[in-house]
Amino acid sequence: MSASLDPAQARDVSFAALLRVVLHECAQAPLTLLTADSGPTLIRVGRGGEQRKQEFAELLVEAYESASEMLLARISKLTRSRADADDIVQTAFMRVYARWPDHITDVESLRKYLWTTAEHLVKDAMARAAKDRERLDFDGHERLSVLADHAGLPFDDTIALRDMLIRLLDTLPPRERQAVIIYTYEGNTYKETARIMGLAEGTVKGYVHDGLVRVRKSLEEQVA
């Protein structure tokens, strides 16, 4: 971590890294982000009314399940790597999850949206593969514990920590939530996140900062 960061900035960087690891773990089984169950380790899309949440969840589940195998085969052929293809398809899902395209109201259109998003990601896959697959050498629970400790949020129960982070992320205003996911999950710079969202870099920086502050503050309040 850069020596030029003050302690507060260092905690913020570690907190973003912690959230990134949590999102990557969720992306390994992306449909767990969309469920009708209310179990403590699962969440649903948290925008709009209950009916809209359910409708979008059903569309995204159907689109993902019907497209994932063909999409993986296509991306694997392009990248010549099943691992890279897995990363790209998961990232495409997370982008659609973050964006929630309101203009899409049917499965076929959402499937095409997923497909197009994945194909766009292929263009950057080779340059980003090493960074996107970067992992610490120890196991998942220890990794979360270390990152949480560096972020000033020591947790013994990493499952509870993961659950709270995802639930709190889901309470953010849509634009903040989208910016935080794209910035943290994909390891983008503010400039890259701004390009993806079609916004000014300063605006995106504000969204990410405010979103991370909201999540961290709420997490600290719940722990207290």
Protein backbone atom coordinates (compact mmCIF):
# COMPACT_ATOMS: atom_id res chain seq x y z
CA MET A 1 0.00 0.00 0.00
CA SER A 2 1.34 3.42 -0.88
CA ALA A 3 3.28 5.23 1.86
CA SER A 4 1.74 8.49 0.70
CA LEU A 5 -1.67 7.49 2.05
CA ASP A 6 -2.67 8.73 5.47
CA PRO A 7 -4.27 6.19 7.86
CA ALA A 8 -7.83 7.15 6.90
CA GLN A 9 -7.08 6.83 3.18
CA ALA A 10 -5.34 3.52 3.76
CA ARG A 11 -8.45 2.20 5.55
CA ASP A 12 -10.61 3.37 2.63
CA VAL A 13 -8.40 1.54 0.12
CA SER A 14 -8.56 -1.61 2.25
CA PHE A 15 -12.32 -1.28 2.59
CA ALA A 16 -12.73 -1.07 -1.19
CA ALA A 17 -10.50 -4.16 -1.54
CA LEU A 18 -12.62 -5.98 1.05
CA LEU A 19 -15.80 -5.18 -0.85
CA ARG A 20 -14.19 -6.30 -4.09
CA VAL A 21 -13.34 -9.72 -2.63
CA VAL A 22 -16.90 -10.11 -1.30
CA LEU A 23 -18.39 -9.24 -4.69
CA HIS A 24 -16.04 -11.65 -6.44
CA GLU A 25 -17.11 -14.44 -4.10
CA CYS A 26 -20.76 -13.67 -4.84
CA ALA A 27 -20.00 -13.65 -8.56
CA GLN A 28 -18.79 -17.24 -8.37
CA ALA A 29 -22.50 -18.11 -7.98
CA PRO A 30 -24.17 -14.96 -9.34
CA LEU A 31 -27.75 -16.17 -9.06
CA THR A 32 -27.39 -16.02 -5.27
CA LEU A 33 -27.72 -12.26 -5.71
CA LEU A 34 -31.27 -12.80 -6.98
CA THR A 35 -33.48 -15.02 -4.90
CA ALA A 36 -37.02 -15.16 -3.62
CA ASP A 37 -35.75 -16.55 -0.33
CA SER A 38 -35.00 -14.30 2.61
CA GLY A 39 -32.14 -16.31 4.07
CA PRO A 40 -29.34 -14.37 5.80
CA THR A 41 -26.68 -15.06 3.18
CA LEU A 42 -28.70 -14.15 0.10
CA ILE A 43 -30.04 -10.88 -1.25
CA ARG A 44 -32.36 -9.66 -3.96
CA VAL A 45 -32.15 -6.63 -6.22
CA GLY A 46 -32.88 -3.70 -3.95
CA ARG A 47 -34.45 -1.05 -6.15
CA GLY A 48 -38.01 -0.15 -6.97
CA GLY A 49 -41.12 -1.75 -5.52
CA GLU A 50 -41.46 -5.38 -4.56
CA GLN A 51 -43.24 -6.27 -7.80
CA ARG A 52 -40.53 -4.62 -9.92
CA LYS A 53 -37.82 -6.37 -7.93
CA GLN A 54 -39.46 -9.72 -8.48
CA GLU A 55 -40.03 -9.10 -12.18
CA PHE A 56 -36.45 -8.03 -12.81
CA ALA A 57 -35.10 -10.92 -10.73
CA GLU A 58 -37.12 -13.41 -12.74
CA LEU A 59 -36.00 -11.90 -16.05
CA LEU A 60 -32.33 -11.84 -15.09
CA VAL A 61 -32.38 -15.39 -13.70
CA GLU A 62 -34.01 -16.71 -16.88
CA ALA A 63 -31.73 -14.70 -19.16
CA TYR A 64 -28.60 -15.82 -17.33
CA GLU A 65 -29.56 -19.48 -17.12
CA SER A 66 -30.55 -19.64 -20.78
CA ALA A 67 -27.49 -17.79 -22.09
CA SER A 68 -24.61 -18.68 -19.77
CA GLU A 69 -23.46 -21.95 -21.37
CA MET A 70 -23.52 -20.66 -24.96
CA LEU A 71 -21.95 -17.40 -23.82
CA LEU A 72 -19.18 -19.24 -21.98
CA ALA A 73 -18.48 -21.36 -25.06
CA ARG A 74 -18.31 -18.26 -27.27
CA ILE A 75 -16.08 -16.28 -24.90
CA SER A 76 -13.85 -19.31 -24.26
CA LYS A 77 -13.25 -19.58 -28.00
CA LEU A 78 -12.39 -15.89 -28.24
CA THR A 79 -10.06 -15.80 -25.24
CA ARG A 80 -8.84 -19.40 -25.48
CA SER A 81 -9.30 -19.62 -21.75
CA ARG A 82 -12.23 -21.02 -19.82
CA ALA A 83 -11.04 -19.21 -16.68
CA ASP A 84 -11.02 -15.85 -18.49
CA ALA A 85 -14.43 -16.64 -19.97
CA ASP A 86 -15.81 -17.37 -16.49
CA ASP A 87 -14.47 -14.02 -15.26
CA ILE A 88 -15.98 -12.15 -18.22
CA VAL A 89 -19.43 -13.75 -17.94
CA GLN A 90 -19.51 -13.12 -14.19
CA THR A 91 -18.43 -9.52 -14.73
CA ALA A 92 -21.12 -9.07 -17.39
CA PHE A 93 -23.71 -10.35 -14.94
CA MET A 94 -22.49 -7.96 -12.25
CA ARG A 95 -22.64 -5.01 -14.64
CA VAL A 96 -26.21 -5.80 -15.61
CA TYR A 97 -27.05 -6.34 -11.94
CA ALA A 98 -25.55 -2.95 -11.13
CA ARG A 99 -27.18 -1.10 -14.02
CA TRP A 100 -30.66 -2.61 -13.95
CA PRO A 101 -31.59 -1.42 -17.47
CA ASP A 102 -35.13 -0.10 -17.01
CA HIS A 103 -35.85 -0.10 -20.73
CA ILE A 104 -35.56 -3.89 -20.92
CA THR A 105 -38.77 -5.71 -20.11
CA ASP A 106 -38.40 -9.14 -21.74
CA VAL A 107 -36.01 -12.07 -21.44
CA GLU A 108 -34.78 -12.03 -25.02
CA SER A 109 -33.72 -8.38 -24.82
CA LEU A 110 -32.03 -8.93 -21.47
CA ARG A 111 -30.22 -11.98 -22.86
CA LYS A 112 -28.92 -9.86 -25.75
CA TYR A 113 -27.89 -7.16 -23.26
CA LEU A 114 -25.90 -9.72 -21.26
CA TRP A 115 -24.32 -11.04 -24.45
CA THR A 116 -23.35 -7.59 -25.72
CA THR A 117 -21.94 -6.61 -22.33
CA ALA A 118 -19.79 -9.75 -22.27
CA GLU A 119 -18.50 -9.20 -25.79
CA HIS A 120 -17.50 -5.65 -24.93
CA LEU A 121 -15.56 -6.99 -21.96
CA VAL A 122 -13.58 -9.35 -24.18
CA LYS A 123 -11.76 -6.36 -25.66
CA ASP A 124 -10.16 -5.65 -22.29
CA ALA A 125 -9.86 -9.25 -21.06
CA MET A 126 -6.23 -9.92 -21.89
CA ALA A 127 -4.93 -6.71 -20.32
CA ARG A 128 -7.03 -7.19 -17.20
CA ALA A 129 -6.87 -10.95 -16.70
CA ALA A 130 -3.99 -10.95 -14.24
CA LYS A 131 -5.51 -8.13 -12.17
CA ASP A 132 -9.02 -9.59 -12.17
CA ARG A 133 -7.77 -13.01 -11.08
CA GLU A 134 -5.36 -11.60 -8.51
CA ARG A 135 -5.84 -13.38 -5.21
CA LEU A 136 -4.07 -13.52 -1.89
CA ASP A 137 -2.51 -16.91 -1.23
CA PHE A 138 -4.49 -17.84 1.86
CA ASP A 139 -8.04 -19.14 1.96
CA GLY A 140 -11.19 -17.05 1.60
CA HIS A 141 -12.07 -16.67 5.27
CA GLU A 142 -8.55 -15.61 6.22
CA ARG A 143 -8.40 -13.22 3.28
CA LEU A 144 -11.59 -11.48 4.38
CA SER A 145 -10.40 -11.31 7.97
CA VAL A 146 -7.09 -9.71 7.01
CA LEU A 147 -8.72 -7.16 4.69
CA ALA A 148 -11.34 -6.33 7.30
CA ASP A 149 -8.63 -5.82 9.90
CA HIS A 150 -6.69 -3.53 7.53
CA ALA A 151 -9.90 -1.58 6.96
CA GLY A 152 -10.33 -1.09 10.71
CA LEU A 153 -13.27 -3.52 10.83
CA PRO A 154 -12.04 -6.64 12.66
CA PHE A 155 -14.57 -9.45 12.28
CA ASP A 156 -14.43 -12.98 13.63
CA ASP A 157 -17.50 -14.07 11.66
CA THR A 158 -16.61 -13.52 7.99
CA ILE A 159 -19.92 -14.99 6.81
CA ALA A 160 -21.81 -12.35 8.79
CA LEU A 161 -19.44 -9.68 7.45
CA ARG A 162 -20.07 -10.77 3.86
CA ASP A 163 -23.82 -10.82 4.44
CA MET A 164 -23.89 -7.34 5.99
CA LEU A 165 -21.73 -5.81 3.26
CA ILE A 166 -23.97 -7.11 0.47
CA ARG A 167 -27.15 -6.10 2.26
CA LEU A 168 -25.82 -2.60 2.92
CA LEU A 169 -24.58 -2.24 -0.64
CA ASP A 170 -28.09 -3.05 -1.79
CA THR A 171 -29.48 -0.06 0.17
CA LEU A 172 -27.44 2.52 -1.76
CA PRO A 173 -29.10 4.89 -4.25
CA PRO A 174 -28.95 3.29 -7.73
CA ARG A 175 -26.19 5.48 -9.19
CA GLU A 176 -23.98 5.13 -6.12
CA ARG A 177 -24.53 1.39 -6.08
CA GLN A 178 -23.65 1.07 -9.76
CA ALA A 179 -20.50 3.17 -9.38
CA VAL A 180 -19.32 1.27 -6.31
CA ILE A 181 -19.84 -2.14 -7.95
CA ILE A 182 -18.13 -1.20 -11.21
CA TYR A 183 -15.26 0.51 -9.38
CA THR A 184 -14.64 -2.12 -6.72
CA TYR A 185 -15.64 -5.39 -8.38
CA GLU A 186 -13.78 -4.76 -11.63
CA GLY A 187 -10.84 -2.92 -10.07
CA ASN A 188 -11.39 0.08 -12.34
CA THR A 189 -9.93 3.53 -11.92
CA TYR A 190 -12.33 6.47 -11.53
CA LYS A 191 -11.66 7.35 -15.17
CA GLU A 192 -12.51 3.85 -16.37
CA THR A 193 -15.63 3.74 -14.22
CA ALA A 194 -16.71 7.11 -15.58
CA ARG A 195 -16.26 5.88 -19.15
CA ILE A 196 -18.36 2.79 -18.48
CA MET A 197 -21.13 4.80 -16.83
CA GLY A 198 -20.98 7.66 -19.32
CA LEU A 199 -20.45 10.25 -16.60
CA ALA A 200 -17.84 12.82 -15.63
CA GLU A 201 -14.91 11.44 -13.65
CA GLY A 202 -15.54 13.84 -10.77
CA THR A 203 -19.17 12.75 -10.56
CA VAL A 204 -18.19 9.10 -10.40
CA LYS A 205 -15.54 9.80 -7.78
CA GLY A 206 -18.22 11.44 -5.66
CA TYR A 207 -20.60 8.51 -6.11
CA VAL A 208 -17.95 5.97 -5.14
CA HIS A 209 -16.76 7.98 -2.15
CA ASP A 210 -20.28 8.63 -0.85
CA GLY A 211 -21.34 5.02 -1.43
CA LEU A 212 -18.36 3.56 0.40
CA VAL A 213 -18.83 6.02 3.26
CA ARG A 214 -22.51 5.08 3.58
CA VAL A 215 -21.79 1.36 3.62
CA ARG A 216 -18.91 1.68 6.06
CA LYS A 217 -20.85 3.96 8.42
CA SER A 218 -23.88 1.66 8.40
CA LEU A 219 -21.66 -1.35 8.99
CA GLU A 220 -19.96 0.34 11.95
CA GLU A 221 -23.36 1.31 13.39
CA GLN A 222 -24.65 -2.24 13.12
CA VAL A 223 -21.53 -3.65 14.74
CA ALA A 224 -21.75 -1.08 17.54
